[in-house]
């Protein structure tokens, strides 16, 4: 009997290992993000069907972006609020991205005049224009950083200026400045 139990236990462990390996191989959503990896847009971005295809996972950063950013412009404070109350893919928990997160969408290899999102990306109706980040300028709290997607410029402006908003979920969500 002892040999039979040992064989059965070994079989159960082997089955669990194979099942775990198969589950990992079929789960591209959960790839470990690494800011030092560079993936082509075709494998970098995954449209999330479990969020009604309204959101996109960036496998390089682990962030989830709106697939269709809003088309309205807001001063910085209202931009923050618009993300905080947003529901995308039947999910709450959205926020304005930090300047580093927003700039991570820029492909610097694309020459002027852009647009600077990686070719083949799945985003829809985004504009090659200026989007607010959540990051306040350290030397002047009346200004915040933005990203201009027509040429990839990262700069700052006064918070009362109207800019576009592109909301994100996940990540640290802190204003590091």
C-alpha atoms as a PDB file:
ATOM      1  CA  UNK A   1       0.000   0.000   0.000  1.00  0.00           C
ATOM      2  CA  UNK A   2       2.788   2.450   0.800  1.00  0.00           C
ATOM      3  CA  UNK A   3       4.298   2.143  -2.666  1.00  0.00           C
ATOM      4  CA  UNK A   4       0.871   2.691  -4.226  1.00  0.00           C
ATOM      5  CA  UNK A   5       0.298   5.859  -2.156  1.00  0.00           C
ATOM      6  CA  UNK A   6       3.761   7.176  -3.045  1.00  0.00           C
ATOM      7  CA  UNK A   7       3.073   6.551  -6.739  1.00  0.00           C
ATOM      8  CA  UNK A   8      -0.301   8.253  -6.482  1.00  0.00           C
ATOM      9  CA  UNK A   9       1.225  11.265  -4.704  1.00  0.00           C
ATOM     10  CA  UNK A  10       3.915  11.547  -7.371  1.00  0.00           C
ATOM     11  CA  UNK A  11       1.251  11.415 -10.074  1.00  0.00           C
ATOM     12  CA  UNK A  12      -0.774  14.184  -8.397  1.00  0.00           C
ATOM     13  CA  UNK A  13       2.311  16.412  -8.027  1.00  0.00           C
ATOM     14  CA  UNK A  14       3.319  15.816 -11.653  1.00  0.00           C
ATOM     15  CA  UNK A  15      -0.212  16.609 -12.841  1.00  0.00           C
ATOM     16  CA  UNK A  16      -0.264  19.854 -10.848  1.00  0.00           C
ATOM     17  CA  UNK A  17       3.134  20.886 -12.255  1.00  0.00           C
ATOM     18  CA  UNK A  18       2.000  20.257 -15.831  1.00  0.00           C
ATOM     19  CA  UNK A  19      -1.266  22.140 -15.226  1.00  0.00           C
ATOM     20  CA  UNK A  20       0.589  25.096 -13.701  1.00  0.00           C
ATOM     21  CA  UNK A  21       3.035  25.182 -16.622  1.00  0.00           C
ATOM     22  CA  UNK A  22       0.178  25.035 -19.161  1.00  0.00           C
ATOM     23  CA  UNK A  23      -1.715  27.817 -17.361  1.00  0.00           C
ATOM     24  CA  UNK A  24       1.372  30.014 -17.374  1.00  0.00           C
ATOM     25  CA  UNK A  25       1.957  29.408 -21.080  1.00  0.00           C
ATOM     26  CA  UNK A  26      -1.625  30.454 -21.886  1.00  0.00           C
ATOM     27  CA  UNK A  27      -1.737  33.595 -19.731  1.00  0.00           C
ATOM     28  CA  UNK A  28      -0.075  36.469 -21.630  1.00  0.00           C
ATOM     29  CA  UNK A  29      -2.004  38.991 -19.489  1.00  0.00           C
ATOM     30  CA  UNK A  30       0.189  38.233 -16.506  1.00  0.00           C
ATOM     31  CA  UNK A  31       3.657  38.524 -17.988  1.00  0.00           C
ATOM     32  CA  UNK A  32       5.966  40.144 -15.502  1.00  0.00           C
ATOM     33  CA  UNK A  33       6.466  43.766 -16.622  1.00  0.00           C
ATOM     34  CA  UNK A  34       9.985  45.024 -16.878  1.00  0.00           C
ATOM     35  CA  UNK A  35      10.804  48.614 -17.686  1.00  0.00           C
ATOM     36  CA  UNK A  36      14.059  47.517 -19.343  1.00  0.00           C
ATOM     37  CA  UNK A  37      12.400  45.312 -21.964  1.00  0.00           C
ATOM     38  CA  UNK A  38      11.428  46.534 -25.407  1.00  0.00           C
ATOM     39  CA  UNK A  39       8.579  44.710 -27.099  1.00  0.00           C
ATOM     40  CA  UNK A  40       7.074  45.312 -30.541  1.00  0.00           C
ATOM     41  CA  UNK A  41       3.606  46.867 -30.383  1.00  0.00           C
ATOM     42  CA  UNK A  42       2.047  43.612 -31.617  1.00  0.00           C
ATOM     43  CA  UNK A  43       3.099  41.811 -28.407  1.00  0.00           C
ATOM     44  CA  UNK A  44       3.591  44.790 -26.095  1.00  0.00           C
ATOM     45  CA  UNK A  45      -0.056  45.844 -26.035  1.00  0.00           C
ATOM     46  CA  UNK A  46      -2.955  43.490 -25.292  1.00  0.00           C
ATOM     47  CA  UNK A  47      -6.562  44.595 -25.697  1.00  0.00           C
ATOM     48  CA  UNK A  48      -8.354  43.323 -22.594  1.00  0.00           C
ATOM     49  CA  UNK A  49     -11.465  41.443 -23.646  1.00  0.00           C
ATOM     50  CA  UNK A  50     -12.464  40.988 -19.987  1.00  0.00           C
ATOM     51  CA  UNK A  51     -12.817  44.784 -19.851  1.00  0.00           C
ATOM     52  CA  UNK A  52     -15.101  44.928 -22.923  1.00  0.00           C
ATOM     53  CA  UNK A  53     -12.035  45.647 -25.120  1.00  0.00           C
ATOM     54  CA  UNK A  54     -12.098  49.197 -23.707  1.00  0.00           C
ATOM     55  CA  UNK A  55      -8.678  48.936 -22.052  1.00  0.00           C
ATOM     56  CA  UNK A  56      -5.159  47.944 -23.102  1.00  0.00           C
ATOM     57  CA  UNK A  57      -2.496  46.221 -21.025  1.00  0.00           C
ATOM     58  CA  UNK A  58       1.044  47.469 -21.643  1.00  0.00           C
ATOM     59  CA  UNK A  59       3.201  44.396 -21.017  1.00  0.00           C
ATOM     60  CA  UNK A  60       6.360  46.513 -20.752  1.00  0.00           C
ATOM     61  CA  UNK A  61       5.112  48.507 -17.770  1.00  0.00           C
ATOM     62  CA  UNK A  62       2.196  46.476 -16.407  1.00  0.00           C
ATOM     63  CA  UNK A  63      -0.075  49.518 -16.724  1.00  0.00           C
ATOM     64  CA  UNK A  64      -3.605  49.368 -18.131  1.00  0.00           C
ATOM     65  CA  UNK A  65      -4.569  52.294 -20.381  1.00  0.00           C
ATOM     66  CA  UNK A  66      -7.877  53.477 -21.779  1.00  0.00           C
ATOM     67  CA  UNK A  67      -8.087  52.184 -25.319  1.00  0.00           C
ATOM     68  CA  UNK A  68      -9.934  55.342 -26.348  1.00  0.00           C
ATOM     69  CA  UNK A  69      -8.744  58.408 -24.428  1.00  0.00           C
ATOM     70  CA  UNK A  70     -11.290  61.132 -23.842  1.00  0.00           C
ATOM     71  CA  UNK A  71     -11.504  63.877 -26.455  1.00  0.00           C
ATOM     72  CA  UNK A  72     -12.315  66.703 -24.034  1.00  0.00           C
ATOM     73  CA  UNK A  73      -9.755  69.126 -22.660  1.00  0.00           C
ATOM     74  CA  UNK A  74      -9.462  70.093 -19.007  1.00  0.00           C
ATOM     75  CA  UNK A  75      -7.388  72.214 -16.689  1.00  0.00           C
ATOM     76  CA  UNK A  76      -5.072  69.997 -14.602  1.00  0.00           C
ATOM     77  CA  UNK A  77      -7.251  69.753 -11.485  1.00  0.00           C
ATOM     78  CA  UNK A  78     -10.315  68.752 -13.515  1.00  0.00           C
ATOM     79  CA  UNK A  79      -8.162  66.295 -15.510  1.00  0.00           C
ATOM     80  CA  UNK A  80      -7.313  64.543 -12.233  1.00  0.00           C
ATOM     81  CA  UNK A  81     -10.977  64.455 -11.221  1.00  0.00           C
ATOM     82  CA  UNK A  82     -12.140  63.165 -14.623  1.00  0.00           C
ATOM     83  CA  UNK A  83      -9.929  60.066 -14.241  1.00  0.00           C
ATOM     84  CA  UNK A  84     -10.847  59.531 -10.600  1.00  0.00           C
ATOM     85  CA  UNK A  85     -14.564  59.219 -11.402  1.00  0.00           C
ATOM     86  CA  UNK A  86     -14.184  57.385 -14.716  1.00  0.00           C
ATOM     87  CA  UNK A  87     -15.504  53.889 -15.432  1.00  0.00           C
ATOM     88  CA  UNK A  88     -13.870  52.065 -18.361  1.00  0.00           C
ATOM     89  CA  UNK A  89     -14.637  48.461 -19.197  1.00  0.00           C
ATOM     90  CA  UNK A  90     -17.030  48.464 -16.259  1.00  0.00           C
ATOM     91  CA  UNK A  91     -14.097  49.179 -13.903  1.00  0.00           C
ATOM     92  CA  UNK A  92     -13.360  52.099 -11.606  1.00  0.00           C
ATOM     93  CA  UNK A  93      -9.931  52.920 -10.177  1.00  0.00           C
ATOM     94  CA  UNK A  94      -8.572  55.096 -12.975  1.00  0.00           C
ATOM     95  CA  UNK A  95      -6.134  57.952 -12.433  1.00  0.00           C
ATOM     96  CA  UNK A  96      -4.034  60.490 -14.296  1.00  0.00           C
ATOM     97  CA  UNK A  97      -0.650  58.912 -15.132  1.00  0.00           C
ATOM     98  CA  UNK A  98       2.673  60.223 -13.841  1.00  0.00           C
ATOM     99  CA  UNK A  99       4.874  61.961 -16.406  1.00  0.00           C
ATOM    100  CA  UNK A 100       7.147  58.905 -16.539  1.00  0.00           C
ATOM    101  CA  UNK A 101       4.216  56.559 -17.187  1.00  0.00           C
ATOM    102  CA  UNK A 102       2.756  58.784 -19.895  1.00  0.00           C
ATOM    103  CA  UNK A 103       6.157  59.250 -21.561  1.00  0.00           C
ATOM    104  CA  UNK A 104       6.621  55.460 -21.599  1.00  0.00           C
ATOM    105  CA  UNK A 105       4.072  55.329 -24.452  1.00  0.00           C
ATOM    106  CA  UNK A 106       6.337  57.463 -26.668  1.00  0.00           C
ATOM    107  CA  UNK A 107       8.464  55.644 -29.238  1.00  0.00           C
ATOM    108  CA  UNK A 108      11.511  57.955 -29.581  1.00  0.00           C
ATOM    109  CA  UNK A 109      12.652  56.195 -32.765  1.00  0.00           C
ATOM    110  CA  UNK A 110       9.793  57.779 -34.721  1.00  0.00           C
ATOM    111  CA  UNK A 111      11.016  60.961 -36.411  1.00  0.00           C
ATOM    112  CA  UNK A 112       9.214  64.296 -36.452  1.00  0.00           C
ATOM    113  CA  UNK A 113       6.385  64.967 -37.228  1.00  0.00           C
ATOM    114  CA  UNK A 114       5.230  61.749 -35.550  1.00  0.00           C
ATOM    115  CA  UNK A 115       2.846  60.772 -34.109  1.00  0.00           C
ATOM    116  CA  UNK A 116       5.057  59.077 -31.576  1.00  0.00           C
ATOM    117  CA  UNK A 117       2.999  56.086 -30.409  1.00  0.00           C
ATOM    118  CA  UNK A 118       4.539  52.788 -31.585  1.00  0.00           C
ATOM    119  CA  UNK A 119       3.257  51.668 -35.005  1.00  0.00           C
ATOM    120  CA  UNK A 120       0.647  48.924 -34.752  1.00  0.00           C
ATOM    121  CA  UNK A 121      -0.584  50.006 -31.321  1.00  0.00           C
ATOM    122  CA  UNK A 122      -4.242  49.171 -30.547  1.00  0.00           C
ATOM    123  CA  UNK A 123      -5.288  52.594 -29.229  1.00  0.00           C
ATOM    124  CA  UNK A 124      -8.215  54.294 -30.954  1.00  0.00           C
ATOM    125  CA  UNK A 125      -9.196  57.934 -31.451  1.00  0.00           C
ATOM    126  CA  UNK A 126      -6.187  59.263 -29.551  1.00  0.00           C
ATOM    127  CA  UNK A 127      -4.890  62.618 -30.674  1.00  0.00           C
ATOM    128  CA  UNK A 128      -1.364  63.564 -31.633  1.00  0.00           C
ATOM    129  CA  UNK A 129      -1.548  66.378 -29.105  1.00  0.00           C
ATOM    130  CA  UNK A 130      -0.793  67.367 -25.488  1.00  0.00           C
ATOM    131  CA  UNK A 131      -1.888  65.152 -22.556  1.00  0.00           C
ATOM    132  CA  UNK A 132      -1.619  66.076 -18.880  1.00  0.00           C
ATOM    133  CA  UNK A 133       0.346  63.984 -16.409  1.00  0.00           C
ATOM    134  CA  UNK A 134      -0.322  63.936 -12.668  1.00  0.00           C
ATOM    135  CA  UNK A 135       3.205  65.186 -11.954  1.00  0.00           C
ATOM    136  CA  UNK A 136       3.542  68.688 -10.551  1.00  0.00           C
ATOM    137  CA  UNK A 137       6.653  70.703 -11.433  1.00  0.00           C
ATOM    138  CA  UNK A 138       8.888  70.527  -8.332  1.00  0.00           C
ATOM    139  CA  UNK A 139      10.048  74.141  -8.593  1.00  0.00           C
ATOM    140  CA  UNK A 140       6.597  75.652  -9.251  1.00  0.00           C
ATOM    141  CA  UNK A 141       3.448  73.969  -7.934  1.00  0.00           C
ATOM    142  CA  UNK A 142       1.279  76.053 -10.295  1.00  0.00           C
ATOM    143  CA  UNK A 143       2.652  73.961 -13.211  1.00  0.00           C
ATOM    144  CA  UNK A 144       2.481  70.276 -14.173  1.00  0.00           C
ATOM    145  CA  UNK A 145       4.260  68.073 -16.694  1.00  0.00           C
ATOM    146  CA  UNK A 146       2.692  66.983 -19.999  1.00  0.00           C
ATOM    147  CA  UNK A 147       3.566  64.853 -23.037  1.00  0.00           C
ATOM    148  CA  UNK A 148       3.083  66.082 -26.607  1.00  0.00           C
ATOM    149  CA  UNK A 149       2.447  63.003 -28.749  1.00  0.00           C
ATOM    150  CA  UNK A 150       3.097  64.697 -32.096  1.00  0.00           C
ATOM    151  CA  UNK A 151       6.828  64.809 -31.370  1.00  0.00           C
ATOM    152  CA  UNK A 152       7.372  63.129 -27.993  1.00  0.00           C
ATOM    153  CA  UNK A 153       8.251  66.317 -26.131  1.00  0.00           C
ATOM    154  CA  UNK A 154       7.922  66.151 -22.338  1.00  0.00           C
ATOM    155  CA  UNK A 155       7.525  69.598 -20.784  1.00  0.00           C
ATOM    156  CA  UNK A 156       5.482  71.569 -18.275  1.00  0.00           C
ATOM    157  CA  UNK A 157       2.813  74.258 -18.337  1.00  0.00           C
ATOM    158  CA  UNK A 158       0.480  76.123 -16.007  1.00  0.00           C
ATOM    159  CA  UNK A 159      -2.248  73.944 -14.540  1.00  0.00           C
ATOM    160  CA  UNK A 160      -5.066  76.229 -15.702  1.00  0.00           C
ATOM    161  CA  UNK A 161      -4.288  75.500 -19.390  1.00  0.00           C
ATOM    162  CA  UNK A 162      -6.701  73.095 -21.130  1.00  0.00           C
ATOM    163  CA  UNK A 163      -5.117  69.776 -22.104  1.00  0.00           C
ATOM    164  CA  UNK A 164      -6.273  66.269 -23.069  1.00  0.00           C
ATOM    165  CA  UNK A 165      -6.540  63.407 -20.574  1.00  0.00           C
ATOM    166  CA  UNK A 166      -5.470  59.751 -20.920  1.00  0.00           C
ATOM    167  CA  UNK A 167      -6.342  57.703 -17.834  1.00  0.00           C
ATOM    168  CA  UNK A 168      -4.465  54.673 -16.510  1.00  0.00           C
ATOM    169  CA  UNK A 169      -4.872  51.923 -13.886  1.00  0.00           C
ATOM    170  CA  UNK A 170      -2.215  50.066 -11.934  1.00  0.00           C
ATOM    171  CA  UNK A 171       1.362  51.039 -11.227  1.00  0.00           C
ATOM    172  CA  UNK A 172       2.469  53.092  -8.279  1.00  0.00           C
ATOM    173  CA  UNK A 173       0.267  56.093  -8.962  1.00  0.00           C
ATOM    174  CA  UNK A 174       2.461  58.436  -7.010  1.00  0.00           C
ATOM    175  CA  UNK A 175       3.593  61.892  -7.955  1.00  0.00           C
ATOM    176  CA  UNK A 176       7.367  61.456  -7.601  1.00  0.00           C
ATOM    177  CA  UNK A 177       8.211  65.135  -8.000  1.00  0.00           C
END
